Amino acid sequence: MIDATTVTPAPLRPARVAPTLLLGASVAALVLARGGLSAWNVVAALAAGVLVWVAAIDLETRLLPNRIILPATVVVLGAAAVVAPARFPEHLLASALAGGFLFVAAAVRPGDLGMGDAKLALLLGALLGGAVLTALLIGFSLVGVAALVLLAREGRPALKRHLPLGPFLAFGAIATVLLVAP
């Protein structure tokens, strides 16, 4: 029998809920302040808040919840179809390619990369379109820097540690929304 805790991540500890909500709301406000109150910026702000939330869950549980990521992906793709129909094919293709790329990587190296990371890439592609490549580059670069810092601090034992990729990808996506994406 499958243990429910391995399938459904536990919610954040109560002490972490308020700070996570505050950070998510702050990031959403930054997105709106940067881009204004256009329909797409409202979608991007809400998605950024979701990214903060799933990053916090990944840091605590090492799981990225399907029950949040997959509906958010559908909502963002639906919003892209309605708000920016000319760019919808780009967002759909970017979602499929980013998710597919990480899916293949997770299949080739099981245990090193999770399927939750591949599903998160679906959301990032849906949100960012072609700019998802920038977000992935930022996220993977930051995880590389974090790994080097751990290696310098802990030496060889750090080679056996696994870092959650979700928070780094979420940060890369938020940075891309704030600094690069139109």
N, C-alpha and C. Protein backbone atom coordinates (compact mmCIF):
# COMPACT_ATOMS: atom_id res chain seq x y z
N MET A 1 0.84 -1.18 0.00
CA MET A 1 0.00 0.00 0.00
C MET A 1 0.89 1.24 0.00
N ILE A 2 0.47 2.27 -0.72
CA ILE A 2 1.23 3.52 -0.82
C ILE A 2 0.92 4.39 0.39
N ASP A 3 1.96 4.89 0.99
CA ASP A 3 1.81 5.82 2.11
C ASP A 3 1.37 7.17 1.57
N ALA A 4 0.30 7.71 2.11
CA ALA A 4 -0.27 8.98 1.60
C ALA A 4 0.72 10.13 1.71
N THR A 5 1.64 10.09 2.66
CA THR A 5 2.59 11.20 2.80
C THR A 5 3.59 11.23 1.66
N THR A 6 3.79 10.11 0.96
CA THR A 6 4.71 10.13 -0.18
C THR A 6 4.02 10.63 -1.44
N VAL A 7 2.69 10.62 -1.45
CA VAL A 7 1.95 11.05 -2.62
C VAL A 7 1.50 12.50 -2.48
N THR A 8 1.01 12.86 -1.32
CA THR A 8 0.48 14.20 -1.09
C THR A 8 1.35 14.90 -0.06
N PRO A 9 2.01 15.99 -0.45
CA PRO A 9 2.88 16.65 0.52
C PRO A 9 2.09 17.25 1.67
N ALA A 10 2.70 17.20 2.82
CA ALA A 10 2.08 17.81 4.00
C ALA A 10 2.05 19.32 3.81
N PRO A 11 1.07 19.97 4.40
CA PRO A 11 1.07 21.44 4.30
C PRO A 11 2.26 22.01 5.07
N LEU A 12 2.50 23.26 4.83
CA LEU A 12 3.58 23.92 5.56
C LEU A 12 3.28 23.92 7.05
N ARG A 13 4.33 23.90 7.83
CA ARG A 13 4.14 24.03 9.28
C ARG A 13 3.47 25.37 9.55
N PRO A 14 2.58 25.40 10.54
CA PRO A 14 1.83 26.64 10.82
C PRO A 14 2.70 27.88 10.96
N ALA A 15 3.88 27.73 11.54
CA ALA A 15 4.76 28.88 11.73
C ALA A 15 5.28 29.43 10.40
N ARG A 16 5.22 28.62 9.34
CA ARG A 16 5.75 29.07 8.04
C ARG A 16 4.67 29.57 7.09
N VAL A 17 3.41 29.36 7.43
CA VAL A 17 2.33 29.76 6.52
C VAL A 17 2.29 31.28 6.34
N ALA A 18 2.25 32.03 7.42
CA ALA A 18 2.14 33.49 7.33
C ALA A 18 3.34 34.11 6.61
N PRO A 19 4.58 33.74 6.96
CA PRO A 19 5.71 34.33 6.22
C PRO A 19 5.69 33.97 4.73
N THR A 20 5.26 32.76 4.41
CA THR A 20 5.21 32.36 3.00
C THR A 20 4.13 33.15 2.26
N LEU A 21 2.97 33.32 2.89
CA LEU A 21 1.92 34.13 2.28
C LEU A 21 2.37 35.57 2.09
N LEU A 22 3.05 36.11 3.08
CA LEU A 22 3.55 37.49 3.00
C LEU A 22 4.57 37.63 1.87
N LEU A 23 5.48 36.67 1.78
CA LEU A 23 6.47 36.72 0.70
C LEU A 23 5.80 36.58 -0.67
N GLY A 24 4.85 35.65 -0.77
CA GLY A 24 4.13 35.47 -2.04
C GLY A 24 3.37 36.72 -2.44
N ALA A 25 2.70 37.35 -1.48
CA ALA A 25 1.97 38.58 -1.77
C ALA A 25 2.92 39.70 -2.15
N SER A 26 4.07 39.76 -1.50
CA SER A 26 5.06 40.80 -1.83
C SER A 26 5.61 40.61 -3.24
N VAL A 27 5.89 39.37 -3.60
CA VAL A 27 6.39 39.10 -4.95
C VAL A 27 5.31 39.44 -5.98
N ALA A 28 4.07 39.06 -5.70
CA ALA A 28 2.97 39.40 -6.62
C ALA A 28 2.84 40.91 -6.77
N ALA A 29 2.98 41.64 -5.67
CA ALA A 29 2.90 43.10 -5.72
C ALA A 29 4.05 43.67 -6.55
N LEU A 30 5.25 43.09 -6.43
CA LEU A 30 6.39 43.54 -7.24
C LEU A 30 6.12 43.34 -8.72
N VAL A 31 5.53 42.19 -9.05
CA VAL A 31 5.22 41.92 -10.46
C VAL A 31 4.22 42.95 -10.98
N LEU A 32 3.20 43.25 -10.18
CA LEU A 32 2.21 44.24 -10.60
C LEU A 32 2.82 45.64 -10.68
N ALA A 33 3.69 45.96 -9.72
CA ALA A 33 4.33 47.28 -9.73
C ALA A 33 5.23 47.44 -10.95
N ARG A 34 5.87 46.36 -11.34
CA ARG A 34 6.77 46.43 -12.49
C ARG A 34 6.00 46.55 -13.80
N GLY A 35 4.91 45.79 -13.93
CA GLY A 35 4.24 45.72 -15.22
C GLY A 35 2.88 46.37 -15.30
N GLY A 36 2.35 46.82 -14.19
CA GLY A 36 1.03 47.45 -14.23
C GLY A 36 -0.09 46.45 -14.05
N LEU A 37 -1.31 46.94 -14.21
CA LEU A 37 -2.49 46.12 -13.95
C LEU A 37 -3.08 45.52 -15.21
N SER A 38 -2.27 45.18 -16.16
CA SER A 38 -2.80 44.52 -17.36
C SER A 38 -3.26 43.12 -16.97
N ALA A 39 -4.10 42.55 -17.79
CA ALA A 39 -4.64 41.21 -17.50
C ALA A 39 -3.52 40.18 -17.37
N TRP A 40 -2.54 40.25 -18.28
CA TRP A 40 -1.46 39.26 -18.22
C TRP A 40 -0.60 39.45 -16.98
N ASN A 41 -0.37 40.69 -16.57
CA ASN A 41 0.43 40.92 -15.36
C ASN A 41 -0.28 40.42 -14.12
N VAL A 42 -1.60 40.48 -14.10
CA VAL A 42 -2.35 39.91 -12.97
C VAL A 42 -2.14 38.40 -12.94
N VAL A 43 -2.20 37.76 -14.11
CA VAL A 43 -1.93 36.31 -14.19
C VAL A 43 -0.51 36.02 -13.72
N ALA A 44 0.45 36.81 -14.20
CA ALA A 44 1.85 36.60 -13.82
C ALA A 44 2.05 36.81 -12.32
N ALA A 45 1.38 37.79 -11.75
CA ALA A 45 1.50 38.05 -10.31
C ALA A 45 0.94 36.88 -9.50
N LEU A 46 -0.21 36.38 -9.91
CA LEU A 46 -0.79 35.24 -9.20
C LEU A 46 0.10 34.00 -9.35
N ALA A 47 0.62 33.80 -10.54
CA ALA A 47 1.52 32.66 -10.76
C ALA A 47 2.79 32.80 -9.92
N ALA A 48 3.31 34.01 -9.80
CA ALA A 48 4.50 34.23 -8.97
C ALA A 48 4.20 33.89 -7.50
N GLY A 49 3.02 34.25 -7.03
CA GLY A 49 2.62 33.88 -5.67
C GLY A 49 2.55 32.37 -5.50
N VAL A 50 2.03 31.69 -6.50
CA VAL A 50 1.97 30.23 -6.47
C VAL A 50 3.38 29.65 -6.45
N LEU A 51 4.28 30.22 -7.23
CA LEU A 51 5.67 29.73 -7.26
C LEU A 51 6.33 29.87 -5.89
N VAL A 52 6.07 30.96 -5.19
CA VAL A 52 6.62 31.12 -3.84
C VAL A 52 6.08 30.02 -2.94
N TRP A 53 4.77 29.76 -3.04
CA TRP A 53 4.14 28.75 -2.20
C TRP A 53 4.72 27.36 -2.46
N VAL A 54 4.83 26.95 -3.74
CA VAL A 54 5.34 25.61 -4.03
C VAL A 54 6.83 25.49 -3.71
N ALA A 55 7.57 26.59 -3.83
CA ALA A 55 8.98 26.56 -3.44
C ALA A 55 9.11 26.31 -1.94
N ALA A 56 8.26 26.95 -1.15
CA ALA A 56 8.29 26.73 0.30
C ALA A 56 7.93 25.28 0.64
N ILE A 57 6.95 24.74 -0.06
CA ILE A 57 6.57 23.34 0.18
C ILE A 57 7.73 22.42 -0.20
N ASP A 58 8.39 22.70 -1.32
CA ASP A 58 9.51 21.86 -1.74
C ASP A 58 10.67 21.94 -0.75
N LEU A 59 10.92 23.12 -0.22
CA LEU A 59 11.98 23.25 0.78
C LEU A 59 11.67 22.42 2.03
N GLU A 60 10.41 22.37 2.41
CA GLU A 60 10.03 21.68 3.63
C GLU A 60 9.82 20.19 3.43
N THR A 61 9.23 19.79 2.31
CA THR A 61 8.85 18.39 2.15
C THR A 61 9.63 17.65 1.06
N ARG A 62 10.37 18.39 0.24
CA ARG A 62 11.07 17.83 -0.92
C ARG A 62 10.12 17.26 -1.96
N LEU A 63 8.90 17.81 -1.98
CA LEU A 63 7.89 17.41 -2.96
C LEU A 63 7.27 18.67 -3.57
N LEU A 64 6.94 18.57 -4.85
CA LEU A 64 6.22 19.63 -5.54
C LEU A 64 4.81 19.11 -5.80
N PRO A 65 3.81 19.73 -5.20
CA PRO A 65 2.45 19.17 -5.22
C PRO A 65 1.74 19.32 -6.56
N ASN A 66 1.36 18.17 -7.14
CA ASN A 66 0.58 18.16 -8.38
C ASN A 66 -0.71 18.93 -8.22
N ARG A 67 -1.31 18.85 -7.04
CA ARG A 67 -2.62 19.47 -6.84
C ARG A 67 -2.56 20.99 -6.91
N ILE A 68 -1.37 21.56 -6.88
CA ILE A 68 -1.20 23.00 -7.06
C ILE A 68 -0.63 23.29 -8.45
N ILE A 69 0.42 22.58 -8.83
CA ILE A 69 1.14 22.89 -10.06
C ILE A 69 0.31 22.62 -11.31
N LEU A 70 -0.34 21.49 -11.38
CA LEU A 70 -1.07 21.16 -12.60
C LEU A 70 -2.28 22.08 -12.84
N PRO A 71 -3.11 22.34 -11.82
CA PRO A 71 -4.20 23.31 -12.06
C PRO A 71 -3.67 24.71 -12.40
N ALA A 72 -2.58 25.13 -11.76
CA ALA A 72 -2.01 26.44 -12.06
C ALA A 72 -1.54 26.50 -13.51
N THR A 73 -0.98 25.41 -14.00
CA THR A 73 -0.54 25.36 -15.39
C THR A 73 -1.72 25.50 -16.34
N VAL A 74 -2.80 24.79 -16.05
CA VAL A 74 -4.00 24.87 -16.89
C VAL A 74 -4.57 26.30 -16.87
N VAL A 75 -4.61 26.91 -15.69
CA VAL A 75 -5.13 28.28 -15.58
C VAL A 75 -4.26 29.25 -16.36
N VAL A 76 -2.95 29.14 -16.23
CA VAL A 76 -2.05 30.06 -16.94
C VAL A 76 -2.16 29.86 -18.45
N LEU A 77 -2.22 28.61 -18.91
CA LEU A 77 -2.38 28.37 -20.35
C LEU A 77 -3.73 28.89 -20.83
N GLY A 78 -4.77 28.68 -20.04
CA GLY A 78 -6.09 29.21 -20.40
C GLY A 78 -6.08 30.72 -20.48
N ALA A 79 -5.42 31.34 -19.52
CA ALA A 79 -5.33 32.80 -19.53
C ALA A 79 -4.54 33.28 -20.74
N ALA A 80 -3.49 32.57 -21.09
CA ALA A 80 -2.71 32.94 -22.28
C ALA A 80 -3.57 32.85 -23.53
N ALA A 81 -4.41 31.83 -23.60
CA ALA A 81 -5.28 31.66 -24.77
C ALA A 81 -6.29 32.80 -24.88
N VAL A 82 -6.75 33.30 -23.73
CA VAL A 82 -7.77 34.36 -23.73
C VAL A 82 -7.14 35.74 -23.84
N VAL A 83 -6.11 35.98 -23.05
CA VAL A 83 -5.53 37.32 -22.94
C VAL A 83 -4.57 37.63 -24.09
N ALA A 84 -3.79 36.65 -24.50
CA ALA A 84 -2.80 36.87 -25.56
C ALA A 84 -2.88 35.72 -26.57
N PRO A 85 -3.98 35.61 -27.31
CA PRO A 85 -4.14 34.46 -28.20
C PRO A 85 -3.04 34.34 -29.26
N ALA A 86 -2.47 35.43 -29.67
CA ALA A 86 -1.39 35.36 -30.66
C ALA A 86 -0.14 34.69 -30.08
N ARG A 87 0.06 34.82 -28.77
CA ARG A 87 1.25 34.23 -28.14
C ARG A 87 0.95 32.87 -27.51
N PHE A 88 -0.31 32.43 -27.56
CA PHE A 88 -0.67 31.16 -26.94
C PHE A 88 0.15 29.99 -27.47
N PRO A 89 0.35 29.85 -28.80
CA PRO A 89 1.16 28.72 -29.27
C PRO A 89 2.57 28.72 -28.68
N GLU A 90 3.15 29.91 -28.52
CA GLU A 90 4.49 30.00 -27.92
C GLU A 90 4.48 29.48 -26.49
N HIS A 91 3.47 29.88 -25.72
CA HIS A 91 3.38 29.45 -24.32
C HIS A 91 3.13 27.95 -24.21
N LEU A 92 2.28 27.43 -25.08
CA LEU A 92 1.99 26.00 -25.09
C LEU A 92 3.23 25.19 -25.47
N LEU A 93 3.92 25.63 -26.50
CA LEU A 93 5.14 24.93 -26.94
C LEU A 93 6.24 25.03 -25.88
N ALA A 94 6.41 26.21 -25.30
CA ALA A 94 7.43 26.37 -24.26
C ALA A 94 7.12 25.49 -23.06
N SER A 95 5.86 25.38 -22.71
CA SER A 95 5.45 24.52 -21.60
C SER A 95 5.80 23.06 -21.91
N ALA A 96 5.43 22.62 -23.10
CA ALA A 96 5.69 21.23 -23.48
C ALA A 96 7.19 20.94 -23.56
N LEU A 97 7.95 21.84 -24.14
CA LEU A 97 9.39 21.61 -24.30
C LEU A 97 10.13 21.65 -22.96
N ALA A 98 9.81 22.65 -22.12
CA ALA A 98 10.48 22.74 -20.82
C ALA A 98 10.13 21.52 -19.96
N GLY A 99 8.85 21.18 -19.91
CA GLY A 99 8.43 20.01 -19.14
C GLY A 99 9.03 18.74 -19.71
N GLY A 100 9.03 18.62 -21.03
CA GLY A 100 9.60 17.44 -21.67
C GLY A 100 11.09 17.30 -21.43
N PHE A 101 11.79 18.42 -21.49
CA PHE A 101 13.24 18.40 -21.24
C PHE A 101 13.54 17.87 -19.84
N LEU A 102 12.86 18.40 -18.84
CA LEU A 102 13.12 17.94 -17.47
C LEU A 102 12.55 16.54 -17.24
N PHE A 103 11.49 16.16 -17.95
CA PHE A 103 10.96 14.80 -17.85
C PHE A 103 12.01 13.80 -18.33
N VAL A 104 12.62 14.08 -19.48
CA VAL A 104 13.66 13.19 -20.01
C VAL A 104 14.84 13.14 -19.04
N ALA A 105 15.24 14.29 -18.52
CA ALA A 105 16.36 14.31 -17.57
C ALA A 105 16.02 13.50 -16.32
N ALA A 106 14.78 13.60 -15.84
CA ALA A 106 14.37 12.84 -14.65
C ALA A 106 14.30 11.35 -14.95
N ALA A 107 13.91 10.99 -16.17
CA ALA A 107 13.83 9.58 -16.55
C ALA A 107 15.22 8.98 -16.70
N VAL A 108 16.16 9.78 -17.22
CA VAL A 108 17.52 9.29 -17.42
C VAL A 108 18.26 9.15 -16.09
N ARG A 109 18.03 10.08 -15.18
CA ARG A 109 18.72 10.07 -13.88
C ARG A 109 17.70 10.07 -12.74
N PRO A 110 16.95 8.97 -12.58
CA PRO A 110 15.96 8.96 -11.50
C PRO A 110 16.64 9.14 -10.15
N GLY A 111 16.02 9.90 -9.30
CA GLY A 111 16.58 10.18 -7.99
C GLY A 111 17.37 11.47 -7.95
N ASP A 112 17.95 11.86 -9.08
CA ASP A 112 18.70 13.12 -9.12
C ASP A 112 17.77 14.29 -9.44
N LEU A 113 16.75 14.01 -10.20
CA LEU A 113 15.78 15.03 -10.60
C LEU A 113 14.41 14.38 -10.50
N GLY A 114 13.46 15.09 -9.93
CA GLY A 114 12.14 14.51 -9.73
C GLY A 114 11.16 14.88 -10.82
N MET A 115 10.11 14.09 -10.91
CA MET A 115 9.04 14.38 -11.87
C MET A 115 8.30 15.66 -11.50
N GLY A 116 8.31 16.02 -10.21
CA GLY A 116 7.71 17.28 -9.79
C GLY A 116 8.42 18.46 -10.44
N ASP A 117 9.73 18.35 -10.59
CA ASP A 117 10.49 19.41 -11.25
C ASP A 117 10.08 19.53 -12.72
N ALA A 118 9.82 18.40 -13.37
CA ALA A 118 9.37 18.43 -14.76
C ALA A 118 7.99 19.09 -14.86
N LYS A 119 7.11 18.78 -13.91
CA LYS A 119 5.78 19.40 -13.92
C LYS A 119 5.87 20.89 -13.61
N LEU A 120 6.80 21.27 -12.74
CA LEU A 120 7.01 22.69 -12.48
C LEU A 120 7.47 23.40 -13.75
N ALA A 121 8.31 22.73 -14.54
CA ALA A 121 8.76 23.32 -15.80
C ALA A 121 7.60 23.54 -16.76
N LEU A 122 6.58 22.68 -16.70
CA LEU A 122 5.37 22.91 -17.50
C LEU A 122 4.76 24.26 -17.15
N LEU A 123 4.64 24.52 -15.84
CA LEU A 123 4.08 25.79 -15.38
C LEU A 123 4.95 26.97 -15.80
N LEU A 124 6.26 26.82 -15.67
CA LEU A 124 7.17 27.91 -16.04
C LEU A 124 7.06 28.23 -17.52
N GLY A 125 7.00 27.21 -18.37
CA GLY A 125 6.85 27.43 -19.81
C GLY A 125 5.52 28.09 -20.14
N ALA A 126 4.45 27.66 -19.45
CA ALA A 126 3.14 28.26 -19.68
C ALA A 126 3.16 29.74 -19.32
N LEU A 127 3.85 30.08 -18.26
CA LEU A 127 3.91 31.46 -17.80
C LEU A 127 4.84 32.33 -18.65
N LEU A 128 5.99 31.80 -18.98
CA LEU A 128 7.04 32.63 -19.58
C LEU A 128 7.18 32.53 -21.09
N GLY A 129 6.57 31.54 -21.69
CA GLY A 129 6.76 31.35 -23.12
C GLY A 129 8.24 31.08 -23.40
N GLY A 130 8.75 31.70 -24.44
CA GLY A 130 10.15 31.49 -24.82
C GLY A 130 11.16 31.93 -23.77
N ALA A 131 10.75 32.82 -22.87
CA ALA A 131 11.66 33.28 -21.81
C ALA A 131 11.89 32.20 -20.75
N VAL A 132 11.22 31.04 -20.88
CA VAL A 132 11.44 29.96 -19.92
C VAL A 132 12.90 29.51 -19.94
N LEU A 133 13.54 29.63 -21.08
CA LEU A 133 14.95 29.25 -21.16
C LEU A 133 15.80 30.09 -20.22
N THR A 134 15.49 31.37 -20.14
CA THR A 134 16.20 32.26 -19.21
C THR A 134 15.97 31.82 -17.77
N ALA A 135 14.72 31.50 -17.43
CA ALA A 135 14.39 31.07 -16.07
C ALA A 135 15.12 29.78 -15.71
N LEU A 136 15.14 28.82 -16.65
CA LEU A 136 15.85 27.57 -16.39
C LEU A 136 17.35 27.80 -16.22
N LEU A 137 17.90 28.67 -17.05
CA LEU A 137 19.33 28.98 -16.94
C LEU A 137 19.64 29.62 -15.58
N ILE A 138 18.82 30.55 -15.14
CA ILE A 138 19.02 31.18 -13.83
C ILE A 138 18.89 30.13 -12.73
N GLY A 139 17.84 29.32 -12.79
CA GLY A 139 17.61 28.31 -11.76
C GLY A 139 18.73 27.30 -11.66
N PHE A 140 19.15 26.76 -12.80
CA PHE A 140 20.24 25.78 -12.78
C PHE A 140 21.56 26.41 -12.38
N SER A 141 21.79 27.65 -12.78
CA SER A 141 23.03 28.34 -12.37
C SER A 141 23.05 28.52 -10.85
N LEU A 142 21.92 28.92 -10.29
CA LEU A 142 21.87 29.14 -8.84
C LEU A 142 22.03 27.84 -8.07
N VAL A 143 21.46 26.75 -8.55
CA VAL A 143 21.63 25.48 -7.85
C VAL A 143 23.09 25.04 -7.96
N GLY A 144 23.74 25.35 -9.07
CA GLY A 144 25.17 25.04 -9.20
C GLY A 144 26.01 25.83 -8.21
N VAL A 145 25.69 27.11 -8.05
CA VAL A 145 26.40 27.94 -7.07
C VAL A 145 26.17 27.41 -5.66
N ALA A 146 24.93 27.06 -5.35
CA ALA A 146 24.62 26.52 -4.02
C ALA A 146 25.38 25.22 -3.78
N ALA A 147 25.47 24.38 -4.80
CA ALA A 147 26.20 23.12 -4.66
C ALA A 147 27.69 23.38 -4.42
N LEU A 148 28.25 24.35 -5.11
CA LEU A 148 29.67 24.68 -4.91
C LEU A 148 29.91 25.23 -3.50
N VAL A 149 28.98 26.05 -3.01
CA VAL A 149 29.10 26.58 -1.65
C VAL A 149 29.06 25.43 -0.64
N LEU A 150 28.12 24.51 -0.83
CA LEU A 150 28.04 23.35 0.08
C LEU A 150 29.30 22.52 0.01
N LEU A 151 29.81 22.32 -1.18
CA LEU A 151 31.04 21.53 -1.34
C LEU A 151 32.21 22.21 -0.65
N ALA A 152 32.31 23.52 -0.77
CA ALA A 152 33.39 24.25 -0.11
C ALA A 152 33.25 24.21 1.40
N ARG A 153 32.01 24.24 1.88
CA ARG A 153 31.77 24.25 3.32
C ARG A 153 31.89 22.87 3.96
N GLU A 154 31.38 21.84 3.27
CA GLU A 154 31.29 20.52 3.89
C GLU A 154 32.25 19.50 3.31
N GLY A 155 32.87 19.81 2.20
CA GLY A 155 33.78 18.85 1.59
C GLY A 155 33.04 17.70 0.92
N ARG A 156 33.68 16.54 0.86
CA ARG A 156 33.14 15.38 0.16
C ARG A 156 31.75 14.94 0.63
N PRO A 157 31.41 15.04 1.91
CA PRO A 157 30.05 14.63 2.31
C PRO A 157 28.95 15.42 1.58
N ALA A 158 29.26 16.61 1.12
CA ALA A 158 28.26 17.41 0.39
C ALA A 158 27.87 16.76 -0.92
N LEU A 159 28.72 15.89 -1.45
CA LEU A 159 28.42 15.23 -2.72
C LEU A 159 27.23 14.28 -2.61
N LYS A 160 26.89 13.87 -1.40
CA LYS A 160 25.77 12.96 -1.20
C LYS A 160 24.46 13.68 -0.89
N ARG A 161 24.51 14.98 -0.76
CA ARG A 161 23.31 15.77 -0.46
C ARG A 161 22.53 16.05 -1.72
N HIS A 162 21.23 16.14 -1.56
CA HIS A 162 20.35 16.49 -2.66
C HIS A 162 19.70 17.83 -2.35
N LEU A 163 19.83 18.76 -3.26
CA LEU A 163 19.19 20.06 -3.11
C LEU A 163 17.85 20.05 -3.82
N PRO A 164 16.82 20.62 -3.23
CA PRO A 164 15.54 20.70 -3.95
C PRO A 164 15.67 21.71 -5.09
N LEU A 165 15.32 21.29 -6.29
CA LEU A 165 15.47 22.15 -7.46
C LEU A 165 14.34 23.17 -7.57
N GLY A 166 13.17 22.82 -7.07
CA GLY A 166 11.99 23.68 -7.20
C GLY A 166 12.20 25.13 -6.80
N PRO A 167 12.76 25.39 -5.62
CA PRO A 167 12.96 26.79 -5.22
C PRO A 167 13.88 27.56 -6.17
N PHE A 168 14.87 26.90 -6.71
CA PHE A 168 15.79 27.57 -7.63
C PHE A 168 15.08 27.88 -8.95
N LEU A 169 14.28 26.92 -9.44
CA LEU A 169 13.52 27.16 -10.67
C LEU A 169 12.48 28.26 -10.45
N ALA A 170 11.83 28.24 -9.29
CA ALA A 170 10.83 29.27 -8.99
C ALA A 170 11.50 30.65 -8.94
N PHE A 171 12.65 30.73 -8.29
CA PHE A 171 13.37 32.00 -8.24
C PHE A 171 13.75 32.46 -9.65
N GLY A 172 14.24 31.53 -10.48
CA GLY A 172 14.59 31.88 -11.85
C GLY A 172 13.40 32.41 -12.62
N ALA A 173 12.24 31.80 -12.41
CA ALA A 173 11.03 32.25 -13.10
C ALA A 173 10.60 33.63 -12.62
N ILE A 174 10.63 33.84 -11.32
CA ILE A 174 10.23 35.14 -10.77
C ILE A 174 11.20 36.23 -11.23
N ALA A 175 12.49 35.92 -11.21
CA ALA A 175 13.48 36.88 -11.69
C ALA A 175 13.23 37.21 -13.17
N THR A 176 12.88 36.20 -13.95
CA THR A 176 12.62 36.40 -15.37
C THR A 176 11.39 37.28 -15.56
N VAL A 177 10.34 37.02 -14.79
CA VAL A 177 9.13 37.85 -14.88
C VAL A 177 9.46 39.29 -14.53
N LEU A 178 10.26 39.49 -13.50
CA LEU A 178 10.56 40.84 -13.04
C LEU A 178 11.56 41.58 -13.92
N LEU A 179 12.51 40.84 -14.49
CA LEU A 179 13.61 41.52 -15.17
C LEU A 179 13.61 41.38 -16.69
N VAL A 180 12.99 40.33 -17.21
CA VAL A 180 13.14 40.04 -18.63
C VAL A 180 11.83 40.02 -19.39
N ALA A 181 10.89 39.24 -18.90
CA ALA A 181 9.65 38.99 -19.66
C ALA A 181 8.87 40.29 -19.86
N PRO A 182 8.22 40.39 -21.02
CA PRO A 182 7.43 41.60 -21.30
C PRO A 182 6.18 41.69 -20.45
